[in-house]
């Protein structure tokens, strides 16, 4: 038996049965019937993710803005990355 799913043409949400109204975005008559994606065979396992040593991870170097506070710059990896948000916390009076 061929299975199908109903996908909203507005928001992309899927439903197992047809509804007059999309349960996600509440638009009316936007669900379109499509063939359900094929399932993997029972017992078939996806290949596990491989752990990578940190020294093998490559990262793009980004220009950082120094704060003038040596220890803070060290903790932040050389300063503040433009466009980032940093939350600092501590006990009162520190």
N, C-alpha and C. Protein backbone atom coordinates (compact mmCIF):
# COMPACT_ATOMS: atom_id res chain seq x y z
N UNK A 1 0.84 -1.18 0.00
CA UNK A 1 0.00 0.00 0.00
C UNK A 1 0.88 1.24 0.00
N UNK A 2 0.69 2.10 -0.93
CA UNK A 2 1.48 3.32 -1.03
C UNK A 2 1.00 4.32 0.02
N UNK A 3 1.94 4.85 0.78
CA UNK A 3 1.59 5.82 1.80
C UNK A 3 1.76 7.22 1.24
N UNK A 4 1.03 8.14 1.83
CA UNK A 4 1.15 9.52 1.39
C UNK A 4 1.11 10.44 2.61
N UNK A 5 1.63 11.62 2.43
CA UNK A 5 1.58 12.67 3.45
C UNK A 5 0.98 13.90 2.80
N UNK A 6 0.49 14.77 3.61
CA UNK A 6 -0.10 16.01 3.12
C UNK A 6 0.78 17.15 3.57
N UNK A 7 1.31 17.91 2.61
CA UNK A 7 2.26 19.00 2.89
C UNK A 7 1.59 20.33 2.61
N UNK A 8 1.77 21.27 3.53
CA UNK A 8 1.19 22.60 3.35
C UNK A 8 2.02 23.37 2.33
N UNK A 9 1.34 23.92 1.34
CA UNK A 9 2.04 24.68 0.30
C UNK A 9 2.47 26.07 0.78
N UNK A 10 1.99 26.48 1.95
CA UNK A 10 2.36 27.78 2.49
C UNK A 10 3.58 27.68 3.42
N UNK A 11 3.48 26.79 4.43
CA UNK A 11 4.54 26.74 5.44
C UNK A 11 5.41 25.49 5.37
N UNK A 12 5.00 24.46 4.62
CA UNK A 12 5.80 23.26 4.48
C UNK A 12 5.55 22.21 5.55
N UNK A 13 4.63 22.46 6.49
CA UNK A 13 4.33 21.48 7.53
C UNK A 13 3.69 20.25 6.90
N UNK A 14 3.87 19.09 7.54
CA UNK A 14 3.29 17.87 7.02
C UNK A 14 2.26 17.31 8.00
N UNK A 15 1.29 16.60 7.46
CA UNK A 15 0.26 15.95 8.27
C UNK A 15 -0.01 14.58 7.68
N UNK A 16 -0.43 13.64 8.53
CA UNK A 16 -0.70 12.28 8.07
C UNK A 16 -2.03 12.20 7.33
N UNK A 17 -2.98 13.08 7.69
CA UNK A 17 -4.30 13.07 7.05
C UNK A 17 -4.59 14.47 6.50
N UNK A 18 -5.51 14.51 5.55
CA UNK A 18 -5.90 15.80 5.00
C UNK A 18 -6.78 16.53 5.99
N UNK A 19 -6.54 17.80 6.17
CA UNK A 19 -7.37 18.67 6.99
C UNK A 19 -7.76 19.83 6.08
N UNK A 20 -8.87 20.46 6.34
CA UNK A 20 -9.24 21.62 5.57
C UNK A 20 -8.32 22.79 5.86
N UNK A 21 -7.76 22.79 7.08
CA UNK A 21 -6.92 23.89 7.53
C UNK A 21 -5.58 23.32 7.99
N UNK A 22 -4.50 23.98 7.62
CA UNK A 22 -3.17 23.53 8.04
C UNK A 22 -3.06 23.64 9.56
N UNK A 23 -2.67 22.56 10.26
CA UNK A 23 -2.57 22.62 11.70
C UNK A 23 -1.42 23.52 12.19
N UNK A 24 -0.49 23.85 11.32
CA UNK A 24 0.65 24.66 11.71
C UNK A 24 0.42 26.16 11.49
N UNK A 25 0.08 26.55 10.26
CA UNK A 25 -0.04 27.98 9.94
C UNK A 25 -1.49 28.46 9.86
N UNK A 26 -2.45 27.54 9.96
CA UNK A 26 -3.89 27.85 9.95
C UNK A 26 -4.42 28.35 8.62
N UNK A 27 -3.67 28.22 7.52
CA UNK A 27 -4.19 28.59 6.20
C UNK A 27 -5.15 27.50 5.74
N UNK A 28 -6.18 27.89 5.00
CA UNK A 28 -7.18 26.96 4.53
C UNK A 28 -6.83 26.41 3.15
N UNK A 29 -7.13 25.14 2.94
CA UNK A 29 -7.01 24.44 1.65
C UNK A 29 -5.62 24.55 1.04
N UNK A 30 -4.59 24.40 1.86
CA UNK A 30 -3.22 24.48 1.35
C UNK A 30 -2.50 23.14 1.42
N UNK A 31 -3.15 22.09 1.96
CA UNK A 31 -2.50 20.78 2.07
C UNK A 31 -2.56 20.04 0.75
N UNK A 32 -1.40 19.58 0.28
CA UNK A 32 -1.28 18.89 -1.00
C UNK A 32 -0.76 17.48 -0.71
N UNK A 33 -1.40 16.48 -1.30
CA UNK A 33 -0.99 15.09 -1.09
C UNK A 33 0.27 14.77 -1.87
N UNK A 34 1.23 14.14 -1.19
CA UNK A 34 2.50 13.73 -1.80
C UNK A 34 2.84 12.33 -1.33
N UNK A 35 3.68 11.65 -2.08
CA UNK A 35 4.14 10.32 -1.67
C UNK A 35 5.02 10.47 -0.43
N UNK A 36 4.83 9.58 0.53
CA UNK A 36 5.63 9.61 1.75
C UNK A 36 7.05 9.19 1.44
N UNK A 37 8.04 9.77 2.12
CA UNK A 37 9.42 9.34 1.88
C UNK A 37 9.60 7.88 2.27
N UNK A 38 10.42 7.17 1.52
CA UNK A 38 10.65 5.75 1.78
C UNK A 38 11.38 5.59 3.10
N UNK A 39 10.94 4.60 3.88
CA UNK A 39 11.58 4.32 5.15
C UNK A 39 12.74 3.37 4.93
N UNK A 40 13.73 3.43 5.82
CA UNK A 40 14.84 2.50 5.73
C UNK A 40 14.36 1.13 6.19
N UNK A 41 15.04 0.10 5.76
CA UNK A 41 14.67 -1.25 6.14
C UNK A 41 14.77 -1.41 7.65
N UNK A 42 13.87 -2.20 8.19
CA UNK A 42 13.86 -2.40 9.64
C UNK A 42 15.18 -3.02 10.07
N UNK A 43 15.75 -2.49 11.11
CA UNK A 43 17.02 -3.00 11.61
C UNK A 43 18.22 -2.37 10.93
N UNK A 44 18.01 -1.65 9.83
CA UNK A 44 19.13 -1.00 9.15
C UNK A 44 19.57 0.20 10.00
N UNK A 45 20.83 0.31 10.19
CA UNK A 45 21.35 1.40 11.01
C UNK A 45 22.08 2.40 10.13
N UNK A 46 21.90 3.66 10.46
CA UNK A 46 22.64 4.70 9.76
C UNK A 46 24.09 4.66 10.23
N UNK A 47 25.00 5.07 9.38
CA UNK A 47 26.39 5.06 9.80
C UNK A 47 26.59 6.09 10.91
N UNK A 48 27.24 5.69 11.99
CA UNK A 48 27.41 6.61 13.11
C UNK A 48 28.35 7.76 12.75
N UNK A 49 28.14 8.88 13.42
CA UNK A 49 29.02 10.02 13.20
C UNK A 49 30.40 9.68 13.75
N UNK A 50 31.41 10.14 13.07
CA UNK A 50 32.79 9.85 13.46
C UNK A 50 33.31 11.01 14.30
N UNK A 51 33.90 10.67 15.44
CA UNK A 51 34.52 11.69 16.28
C UNK A 51 35.79 12.20 15.61
N UNK A 52 36.01 13.50 15.67
CA UNK A 52 37.18 14.11 15.05
C UNK A 52 37.98 14.80 16.14
N UNK A 53 39.28 14.52 16.23
CA UNK A 53 40.10 15.21 17.22
C UNK A 53 40.06 16.72 16.98
N UNK A 54 40.08 17.47 18.05
CA UNK A 54 39.98 18.92 17.96
C UNK A 54 41.08 19.51 17.09
N UNK A 55 42.26 18.94 17.11
CA UNK A 55 43.37 19.49 16.31
C UNK A 55 43.11 19.34 14.81
N UNK A 56 42.18 18.45 14.41
CA UNK A 56 41.86 18.26 13.00
C UNK A 56 40.69 19.13 12.53
N UNK A 57 40.06 19.84 13.44
CA UNK A 57 38.94 20.70 13.08
C UNK A 57 39.48 22.02 12.56
N UNK A 58 38.99 22.42 11.39
CA UNK A 58 39.44 23.69 10.84
C UNK A 58 38.35 24.73 11.06
N UNK A 59 38.76 25.94 11.36
CA UNK A 59 37.81 27.02 11.59
C UNK A 59 38.32 28.27 10.89
N UNK A 60 37.40 29.03 10.37
CA UNK A 60 37.75 30.26 9.69
C UNK A 60 38.26 31.28 10.72
N UNK A 61 39.35 31.92 10.42
CA UNK A 61 39.88 32.95 11.30
C UNK A 61 39.09 34.23 11.11
N UNK A 62 38.62 34.79 12.21
CA UNK A 62 37.80 35.99 12.17
C UNK A 62 38.53 37.09 12.93
N UNK A 63 38.54 38.30 12.35
CA UNK A 63 39.15 39.44 13.03
C UNK A 63 38.37 39.71 14.30
N UNK A 64 39.07 39.92 15.41
CA UNK A 64 38.43 40.15 16.70
C UNK A 64 38.79 41.54 17.21
N UNK A 65 37.90 42.07 18.02
CA UNK A 65 38.11 43.38 18.62
C UNK A 65 38.60 43.19 20.04
N UNK A 66 39.80 43.69 20.34
CA UNK A 66 40.34 43.58 21.68
C UNK A 66 39.57 44.46 22.66
N UNK A 67 39.39 43.96 23.89
CA UNK A 67 38.66 44.72 24.90
C UNK A 67 39.59 45.58 25.74
N UNK A 68 40.88 45.29 25.70
CA UNK A 68 41.82 45.98 26.57
C UNK A 68 41.96 45.30 27.92
N UNK A 69 41.16 44.27 28.17
CA UNK A 69 41.25 43.48 29.40
C UNK A 69 41.89 42.16 29.00
N UNK A 70 43.15 41.99 29.34
CA UNK A 70 43.93 40.84 28.88
C UNK A 70 43.29 39.49 29.14
N UNK A 71 42.83 39.27 30.37
CA UNK A 71 42.26 37.97 30.71
C UNK A 71 40.95 37.73 29.96
N UNK A 72 40.13 38.75 29.78
CA UNK A 72 38.88 38.61 29.03
C UNK A 72 39.17 38.29 27.56
N UNK A 73 40.14 39.00 26.98
CA UNK A 73 40.52 38.72 25.60
C UNK A 73 41.02 37.28 25.45
N UNK A 74 41.75 36.78 26.45
CA UNK A 74 42.27 35.41 26.40
C UNK A 74 41.11 34.41 26.44
N UNK A 75 40.14 34.64 27.32
CA UNK A 75 39.00 33.74 27.44
C UNK A 75 38.17 33.75 26.17
N UNK A 76 38.07 34.90 25.53
CA UNK A 76 37.27 35.03 24.31
C UNK A 76 38.05 34.61 23.06
N UNK A 77 39.25 34.13 23.22
CA UNK A 77 40.03 33.66 22.08
C UNK A 77 40.68 34.78 21.30
N UNK A 78 40.92 35.91 21.95
CA UNK A 78 41.61 37.01 21.29
C UNK A 78 40.77 38.28 21.22
N UNK A 79 39.56 38.26 21.70
CA UNK A 79 38.71 39.44 21.69
C UNK A 79 37.30 39.10 21.25
N UNK A 80 36.51 40.14 21.06
CA UNK A 80 35.11 39.97 20.69
C UNK A 80 34.98 39.85 19.18
N UNK A 81 34.21 38.85 18.75
CA UNK A 81 33.93 38.67 17.32
C UNK A 81 32.83 39.66 16.94
N UNK A 82 33.04 40.50 15.93
CA UNK A 82 32.00 41.45 15.53
C UNK A 82 30.69 40.74 15.20
N UNK A 83 29.59 41.27 15.71
CA UNK A 83 28.28 40.69 15.47
C UNK A 83 27.89 39.62 16.46
N UNK A 84 28.77 39.30 17.41
CA UNK A 84 28.45 38.27 18.38
C UNK A 84 27.86 38.90 19.64
N UNK A 85 27.30 38.06 20.48
CA UNK A 85 26.75 38.49 21.76
C UNK A 85 27.47 37.71 22.84
N UNK A 86 27.89 38.40 23.88
CA UNK A 86 28.60 37.77 24.99
C UNK A 86 27.87 38.11 26.27
N UNK A 87 27.57 37.09 27.07
CA UNK A 87 26.91 37.28 28.34
C UNK A 87 27.94 37.09 29.44
N UNK A 88 28.17 38.13 30.22
CA UNK A 88 29.08 38.05 31.35
C UNK A 88 28.27 38.02 32.62
N UNK A 89 28.65 37.16 33.55
CA UNK A 89 27.93 37.06 34.82
C UNK A 89 28.91 36.89 35.95
N UNK A 90 28.47 37.20 37.13
CA UNK A 90 29.30 37.05 38.30
C UNK A 90 28.55 37.51 39.54
N UNK A 91 29.15 37.28 40.67
CA UNK A 91 28.56 37.71 41.93
C UNK A 91 28.57 39.23 42.03
N UNK A 92 27.62 39.82 42.73
CA UNK A 92 27.59 41.27 42.90
C UNK A 92 28.90 41.78 43.52
N UNK A 93 29.42 42.87 42.98
CA UNK A 93 30.62 43.49 43.51
C UNK A 93 31.92 42.98 42.93
N UNK A 94 31.85 42.02 42.04
CA UNK A 94 33.08 41.48 41.46
C UNK A 94 33.56 42.38 40.36
